[in-house]
N, C-alpha and C. Protein backbone atom coordinates (compact mmCIF):
# COMPACT_ATOMS: atom_id res chain seq x y z
N MET A 1 26.14 126.53 -108.37
CA MET A 1 24.96 125.95 -108.65
C MET A 1 24.79 124.28 -108.80
N SER A 2 23.79 123.84 -108.22
CA SER A 2 24.02 122.51 -107.90
C SER A 2 23.41 121.84 -109.18
N GLN A 3 23.08 120.37 -109.25
CA GLN A 3 23.24 119.98 -110.66
C GLN A 3 22.11 118.71 -110.16
N ALA A 4 20.91 118.48 -110.86
CA ALA A 4 20.23 117.30 -110.72
C ALA A 4 20.44 116.27 -111.80
N HIS A 5 20.96 115.14 -111.15
CA HIS A 5 21.01 113.83 -112.14
C HIS A 5 19.77 113.07 -112.34
N LYS A 6 19.64 112.30 -112.95
CA LYS A 6 18.47 111.56 -113.05
C LYS A 6 18.99 110.25 -112.64
N VAL A 7 18.24 109.42 -111.39
CA VAL A 7 18.74 108.14 -111.07
C VAL A 7 17.96 107.08 -111.56
N ILE A 8 18.53 106.05 -111.94
CA ILE A 8 17.98 104.80 -112.55
C ILE A 8 17.90 104.03 -111.53
N ILE A 9 16.55 103.37 -111.08
CA ILE A 9 16.50 102.55 -109.74
C ILE A 9 16.59 100.96 -110.82
N LEU A 10 17.34 100.25 -110.47
CA LEU A 10 17.97 99.09 -111.18
C LEU A 10 16.90 98.07 -110.57
N ASN A 11 16.54 98.07 -109.44
CA ASN A 11 15.20 96.80 -109.06
C ASN A 11 13.93 97.21 -109.28
N LYS A 12 13.57 98.14 -110.18
CA LYS A 12 12.30 98.63 -110.88
C LYS A 12 11.86 98.13 -112.10
N PRO A 13 11.02 97.30 -112.59
CA PRO A 13 11.12 96.70 -113.82
C PRO A 13 10.73 97.99 -115.13
N LEU A 14 11.29 98.10 -116.11
CA LEU A 14 10.93 98.68 -117.19
C LEU A 14 9.47 99.07 -117.60
N LYS A 15 8.89 100.05 -117.40
CA LYS A 15 7.40 100.31 -117.85
C LYS A 15 6.97 101.17 -118.87
N ILE A 16 6.48 100.69 -119.88
CA ILE A 16 5.73 101.61 -120.62
C ILE A 16 4.38 101.73 -120.84
N PHE A 17 4.03 103.26 -120.67
CA PHE A 17 2.64 103.30 -120.41
C PHE A 17 2.05 102.86 -118.78
N ASP A 18 2.90 102.72 -118.36
CA ASP A 18 2.24 102.21 -116.86
C ASP A 18 2.29 100.69 -116.95
N PHE A 19 2.77 99.82 -117.75
CA PHE A 19 2.95 98.46 -117.96
C PHE A 19 4.40 97.97 -118.47
N THR A 20 4.33 96.49 -117.38
CA THR A 20 5.82 96.14 -117.82
C THR A 20 5.87 95.54 -119.27
N ILE A 21 7.06 94.93 -119.67
CA ILE A 21 6.76 94.20 -121.24
C ILE A 21 6.01 93.21 -121.03
N ILE A 22 6.03 91.98 -119.90
CA ILE A 22 5.28 91.01 -119.98
C ILE A 22 3.74 91.45 -120.06
N GLN A 23 3.33 92.45 -119.20
CA GLN A 23 1.97 92.97 -119.22
C GLN A 23 1.63 93.42 -120.45
N LEU A 24 2.14 94.16 -121.08
CA LEU A 24 1.92 94.92 -122.75
C LEU A 24 1.77 93.54 -123.70
N VAL A 25 2.99 92.48 -123.67
CA VAL A 25 2.58 91.13 -124.11
C VAL A 25 1.03 90.48 -124.03
N LEU A 26 0.91 90.46 -122.64
CA LEU A 26 -0.33 89.92 -122.32
C LEU A 26 -1.73 90.95 -123.19
N MET A 27 -1.37 91.80 -123.05
CA MET A 27 -2.66 92.98 -123.39
C MET A 27 -2.52 92.73 -124.65
N PHE A 28 -1.46 92.50 -125.64
CA PHE A 28 -1.69 92.37 -126.96
C PHE A 28 -2.44 91.21 -127.53
N PHE A 29 -2.07 89.70 -126.82
CA PHE A 29 -2.75 88.58 -126.88
C PHE A 29 -4.28 88.74 -126.39
N SER A 30 -4.54 89.50 -125.34
CA SER A 30 -5.79 89.83 -125.13
C SER A 30 -6.55 90.82 -126.12
N LEU A 31 -6.07 91.64 -126.94
CA LEU A 31 -6.60 92.03 -127.87
C LEU A 31 -7.14 91.28 -129.06
N ILE A 32 -6.08 90.66 -129.30
CA ILE A 32 -6.43 89.23 -130.65
C ILE A 32 -7.24 88.50 -129.90
N ILE A 33 -7.53 87.56 -128.82
CA ILE A 33 -8.39 87.08 -128.44
C ILE A 33 -9.98 87.81 -128.32
N ALA A 34 -9.80 88.90 -127.85
CA ALA A 34 -11.18 89.84 -127.76
C ALA A 34 -11.55 90.14 -129.21
N PHE A 35 -10.69 90.51 -130.35
CA PHE A 35 -10.99 90.41 -131.47
C PHE A 35 -11.50 89.14 -132.22
N ALA A 36 -11.22 88.02 -131.99
CA ALA A 36 -11.26 86.55 -132.29
C ALA A 36 -12.86 86.25 -131.92
N ILE A 37 -13.30 86.61 -130.68
CA ILE A 37 -14.41 86.26 -130.05
C ILE A 37 -15.41 87.19 -130.35
N ALA A 38 -14.90 88.71 -130.66
CA ALA A 38 -15.98 89.73 -131.31
C ALA A 38 -16.52 89.16 -132.68
N SER A 39 -15.60 89.10 -133.30
CA SER A 39 -15.76 88.61 -134.67
C SER A 39 -16.91 87.60 -135.00
N GLN A 40 -16.77 86.56 -134.01
CA GLN A 40 -18.03 85.47 -133.88
C GLN A 40 -19.47 85.86 -133.83
N VAL A 41 -19.62 86.73 -133.43
CA VAL A 41 -21.00 87.30 -132.98
C VAL A 41 -21.67 87.90 -133.71
N PRO A 42 -23.09 87.26 -134.11
CA PRO A 42 -23.87 87.67 -135.28
C PRO A 42 -23.92 89.03 -135.21
N LYS A 43 -23.84 89.70 -136.62
CA LYS A 43 -24.18 91.16 -136.72
C LYS A 43 -25.44 91.69 -136.23
N ASP A 44 -26.38 90.97 -136.40
CA ASP A 44 -28.13 91.41 -136.10
C ASP A 44 -28.11 91.47 -134.49
N TRP A 45 -27.27 91.16 -133.77
CA TRP A 45 -27.61 91.67 -132.26
C TRP A 45 -26.96 92.80 -132.01
N LYS A 46 -27.76 93.87 -131.42
CA LYS A 46 -27.50 94.97 -131.16
C LYS A 46 -27.83 94.94 -129.56
N TRP A 47 -27.62 96.17 -128.81
CA TRP A 47 -27.77 96.84 -127.60
C TRP A 47 -27.57 98.15 -127.70
N ASN A 48 -28.83 98.69 -127.40
CA ASN A 48 -29.09 99.70 -127.66
C ASN A 48 -28.51 100.82 -128.86
N GLY A 49 -28.57 99.82 -130.01
CA GLY A 49 -27.91 100.92 -131.09
C GLY A 49 -26.37 100.15 -131.22
N LEU A 50 -25.81 99.80 -130.22
CA LEU A 50 -24.57 99.37 -130.53
C LEU A 50 -24.37 97.98 -130.43
N PRO A 51 -23.55 97.46 -131.80
CA PRO A 51 -23.44 96.32 -132.28
C PRO A 51 -22.80 95.31 -131.17
N GLY A 52 -23.31 94.28 -130.88
CA GLY A 52 -23.03 93.58 -130.16
C GLY A 52 -21.44 92.92 -130.03
N SER A 53 -20.74 92.72 -131.13
CA SER A 53 -19.56 92.52 -131.35
C SER A 53 -18.50 93.51 -130.73
N ALA A 54 -19.07 94.83 -130.86
CA ALA A 54 -18.34 96.10 -130.19
C ALA A 54 -18.47 95.80 -128.47
N LEU A 55 -19.35 95.82 -128.02
CA LEU A 55 -19.72 95.10 -126.81
C LEU A 55 -18.92 94.08 -126.19
N VAL A 56 -19.06 93.16 -126.70
CA VAL A 56 -18.23 91.68 -126.52
C VAL A 56 -16.74 92.42 -126.53
N PHE A 57 -16.09 93.06 -127.76
CA PHE A 57 -15.02 93.31 -127.58
C PHE A 57 -14.35 94.29 -126.33
N ILE A 58 -15.26 95.12 -125.94
CA ILE A 58 -15.07 96.46 -124.87
C ILE A 58 -14.94 95.44 -123.76
N VAL A 59 -15.91 94.73 -123.38
CA VAL A 59 -16.04 93.63 -122.03
C VAL A 59 -14.83 92.80 -121.77
N ILE A 60 -14.60 92.05 -122.77
CA ILE A 60 -13.25 91.34 -123.02
C ILE A 60 -12.06 91.86 -122.59
N VAL A 61 -11.78 93.39 -123.23
CA VAL A 61 -10.31 93.90 -123.15
C VAL A 61 -10.63 94.47 -121.64
N CYS A 62 -11.85 95.26 -120.95
CA CYS A 62 -11.84 95.66 -119.75
C CYS A 62 -11.28 94.68 -118.54
N ILE A 63 -11.91 93.39 -118.81
CA ILE A 63 -11.73 92.42 -118.13
C ILE A 63 -10.36 92.04 -118.12
N MET A 64 -9.56 91.90 -119.28
CA MET A 64 -8.09 91.39 -119.36
C MET A 64 -7.12 92.38 -118.88
N LEU A 65 -7.82 93.98 -118.92
CA LEU A 65 -7.03 94.85 -118.29
C LEU A 65 -6.92 94.75 -117.12
N ALA A 66 -8.08 94.75 -116.55
CA ALA A 66 -8.08 94.36 -114.76
C ALA A 66 -7.27 93.29 -114.27
N LEU A 67 -7.51 92.03 -114.83
CA LEU A 67 -6.59 90.89 -114.97
C LEU A 67 -5.00 91.02 -115.03
N VAL A 68 -4.61 92.14 -116.13
CA VAL A 68 -3.03 92.15 -115.80
C VAL A 68 -2.79 93.06 -115.10
N LYS A 69 -3.50 94.23 -114.58
CA LYS A 69 -3.06 94.90 -113.62
C LYS A 69 -3.00 94.37 -112.15
N MET A 70 -4.12 93.24 -111.97
CA MET A 70 -3.81 92.66 -110.77
C MET A 70 -2.58 92.13 -110.43
N SER A 71 -2.24 91.72 -111.75
CA SER A 71 -0.41 91.02 -111.45
C SER A 71 0.28 91.87 -110.71
N GLU A 72 0.18 93.19 -110.75
CA GLU A 72 1.06 94.29 -109.73
C GLU A 72 0.72 94.11 -108.27
N VAL A 73 -0.52 93.70 -108.15
CA VAL A 73 -0.95 93.62 -106.88
C VAL A 73 -0.37 92.64 -105.95
N LYS A 74 -0.33 91.28 -106.72
CA LYS A 74 0.35 90.15 -106.49
C LYS A 74 0.76 89.64 -107.32
N PRO A 75 1.91 88.82 -106.89
CA PRO A 75 2.61 88.08 -108.20
C PRO A 75 1.79 86.95 -109.13
N TRP A 76 2.10 86.64 -110.13
CA TRP A 76 1.66 85.74 -110.82
C TRP A 76 1.34 84.05 -109.97
N ALA A 77 2.47 84.00 -109.36
CA ALA A 77 2.30 82.45 -108.48
C ALA A 77 1.55 82.17 -107.61
N TRP A 78 0.92 83.61 -106.94
CA TRP A 78 0.31 83.73 -106.01
C TRP A 78 -1.34 83.73 -106.36
N TRP A 79 -1.64 84.16 -107.57
CA TRP A 79 -3.04 84.12 -108.51
C TRP A 79 -2.92 82.67 -109.08
N LYS A 80 -1.95 82.06 -109.47
CA LYS A 80 -2.19 80.63 -109.90
C LYS A 80 -2.59 80.01 -108.70
N ASN A 81 -1.66 79.85 -107.63
CA ASN A 81 -2.33 78.90 -106.36
C ASN A 81 -3.37 79.32 -106.00
N LEU A 82 -4.06 80.53 -105.88
CA LEU A 82 -5.51 80.94 -105.35
C LEU A 82 -6.42 80.27 -106.33
N LEU A 83 -6.04 80.14 -107.63
CA LEU A 83 -6.99 79.43 -108.69
C LEU A 83 -6.87 77.89 -108.25
N LEU A 84 -5.78 77.86 -108.26
CA LEU A 84 -5.79 75.80 -108.23
C LEU A 84 -6.43 75.68 -106.86
N TYR A 85 -6.35 76.42 -105.97
CA TYR A 85 -6.80 75.79 -104.49
C TYR A 85 -8.12 76.21 -104.63
N ARG A 86 -8.61 76.99 -105.10
CA ARG A 86 -10.13 77.57 -105.08
C ARG A 86 -10.91 76.14 -105.95
N LEU A 87 -10.23 75.73 -106.96
CA LEU A 87 -10.73 74.62 -107.89
C LEU A 87 -10.30 73.44 -107.07
N LYS A 88 -9.99 73.17 -106.33
CA LYS A 88 -9.43 71.83 -105.37
C LYS A 88 -8.78 71.18 -106.49
N ALA A 89 -7.93 71.67 -107.43
CA ALA A 89 -6.71 71.07 -108.06
C ALA A 89 -5.61 70.48 -107.80
N VAL A 90 -4.99 71.13 -106.40
CA VAL A 90 -3.91 70.48 -105.90
C VAL A 90 -4.58 70.32 -104.23
N PRO A 91 -3.93 69.66 -103.54
CA PRO A 91 -4.29 69.32 -102.39
C PRO A 91 -3.92 70.13 -101.45
N VAL A 92 -5.22 70.05 -100.56
CA VAL A 92 -5.06 71.47 -99.74
C VAL A 92 -4.37 71.20 -98.15
N VAL A 93 -4.45 69.87 -97.90
CA VAL A 93 -4.13 69.42 -96.73
C VAL A 93 -2.55 68.90 -96.82
N TYR A 94 -1.94 69.42 -96.20
CA TYR A 94 -0.37 68.71 -96.16
C TYR A 94 -0.14 67.80 -94.97
N MET A 95 -0.01 66.33 -95.18
CA MET A 95 -0.06 65.31 -94.17
C MET A 95 1.56 64.83 -93.94
N PRO A 96 2.32 65.29 -93.15
CA PRO A 96 3.80 64.75 -92.99
C PRO A 96 4.02 63.43 -92.27
N LYS A 97 5.26 63.03 -92.74
CA LYS A 97 5.33 61.79 -92.35
C LYS A 97 5.47 61.86 -90.82
N PRO A 98 4.63 60.75 -90.08
CA PRO A 98 5.09 60.80 -88.66
C PRO A 98 6.08 60.85 -88.05
N GLU A 99 6.68 61.51 -87.29
CA GLU A 99 8.03 61.28 -86.48
C GLU A 99 7.37 61.37 -84.79
N PRO A 100 8.55 60.62 -84.22
CA PRO A 100 8.33 60.10 -82.93
C PRO A 100 8.81 61.86 -82.18
N ALA A 101 8.11 61.92 -81.40
CA ALA A 101 8.23 63.12 -80.61
C ALA A 101 9.38 63.11 -79.38
N PRO A 102 10.36 64.40 -79.68
CA PRO A 102 11.50 64.21 -78.59
C PRO A 102 11.11 64.09 -77.27
N ILE A 103 11.92 63.60 -76.58
CA ILE A 103 11.64 63.27 -74.91
C ILE A 103 11.94 64.94 -74.48
N TYR A 104 11.21 65.07 -73.58
CA TYR A 104 11.25 66.30 -72.73
C TYR A 104 11.16 66.21 -71.39
N PRO A 105 12.04 66.61 -70.44
CA PRO A 105 13.44 66.94 -70.90
C PRO A 105 14.45 65.93 -71.25
N ASP A 106 15.30 66.56 -71.87
CA ASP A 106 16.13 65.17 -72.44
C ASP A 106 17.04 64.67 -71.34
N PRO A 107 17.03 63.31 -71.09
CA PRO A 107 17.75 62.63 -69.89
C PRO A 107 19.03 62.89 -70.21
N ASN A 108 19.54 63.30 -71.30
CA ASN A 108 21.35 62.94 -71.23
C ASN A 108 21.81 64.61 -70.54
N ILE A 109 20.93 65.39 -70.19
CA ILE A 109 21.39 66.68 -69.33
C ILE A 109 21.38 66.15 -68.09
N ILE A 110 22.93 66.80 -67.77
CA ILE A 110 23.19 66.71 -66.26
C ILE A 110 23.51 68.09 -65.69
N GLU A 111 22.67 68.46 -64.80
CA GLU A 111 22.53 69.83 -64.08
C GLU A 111 23.62 69.79 -63.00
N VAL A 112 24.20 70.24 -62.86
CA VAL A 112 25.00 70.78 -61.71
C VAL A 112 24.46 71.20 -60.66
N LYS A 113 24.57 70.45 -59.67
CA LYS A 113 24.41 70.86 -58.14
C LYS A 113 24.39 72.24 -57.59
N LYS A 114 23.33 72.91 -57.27
CA LYS A 114 23.61 74.07 -56.91
C LYS A 114 23.73 74.30 -55.41
N ARG A 115 24.66 75.08 -54.86
CA ARG A 115 24.70 75.49 -53.33
C ARG A 115 23.54 76.38 -52.72
N GLU A 116 23.04 76.08 -51.62
CA GLU A 116 22.52 77.08 -51.14
C GLU A 116 23.22 78.46 -51.09
N ASP A 117 22.50 79.38 -50.92
CA ASP A 117 22.99 80.74 -50.65
C ASP A 117 23.27 80.66 -48.96
N ALA A 118 24.52 80.55 -48.23
CA ALA A 118 24.78 80.64 -46.65
C ALA A 118 25.00 82.27 -46.07
N ASN A 119 25.34 83.03 -47.12
CA ASN A 119 25.58 84.02 -46.62
C ASN A 119 24.50 84.91 -46.08
N TYR A 120 23.12 84.29 -46.01
CA TYR A 120 22.13 85.07 -45.61
C TYR A 120 21.90 84.87 -44.16
N VAL A 121 21.68 86.34 -43.31
CA VAL A 121 22.16 85.95 -41.91
C VAL A 121 20.62 86.58 -41.37
N ASP A 122 20.14 85.92 -40.49
CA ASP A 122 18.71 85.95 -39.94
C ASP A 122 18.87 87.03 -38.80
N ALA A 123 17.91 88.46 -38.83
CA ALA A 123 18.04 89.06 -37.74
C ALA A 123 17.19 88.91 -37.08
N SER A 124 16.84 87.71 -36.14
CA SER A 124 15.75 87.74 -35.21
C SER A 124 16.58 87.22 -33.78
């Protein structure tokens, strides 16, 4: 009878509830930030009977959840570069130092003279 062994894939990150450790830490900080911002909303603000602070908390947590899950689609460096280039915070055009173009064809190349094919016989 065959046995099935669990395989641990080492090049995949450890995931808890489909989140990596870094993503869980980011979600924890987003919960703290959302709670701090929601606690500043006046108590008399309501939307269809829902307190404004609860609505602000839910919106901020949903936005942060989407942003944290976006880190799986592209790496963080890609998102950082996207933001910096869109805000024009870094130079967009790279101007290299001018260099003289190489001479083509290279004058140092000496080609061997080719003989004509004398084996061809004209049948006329």
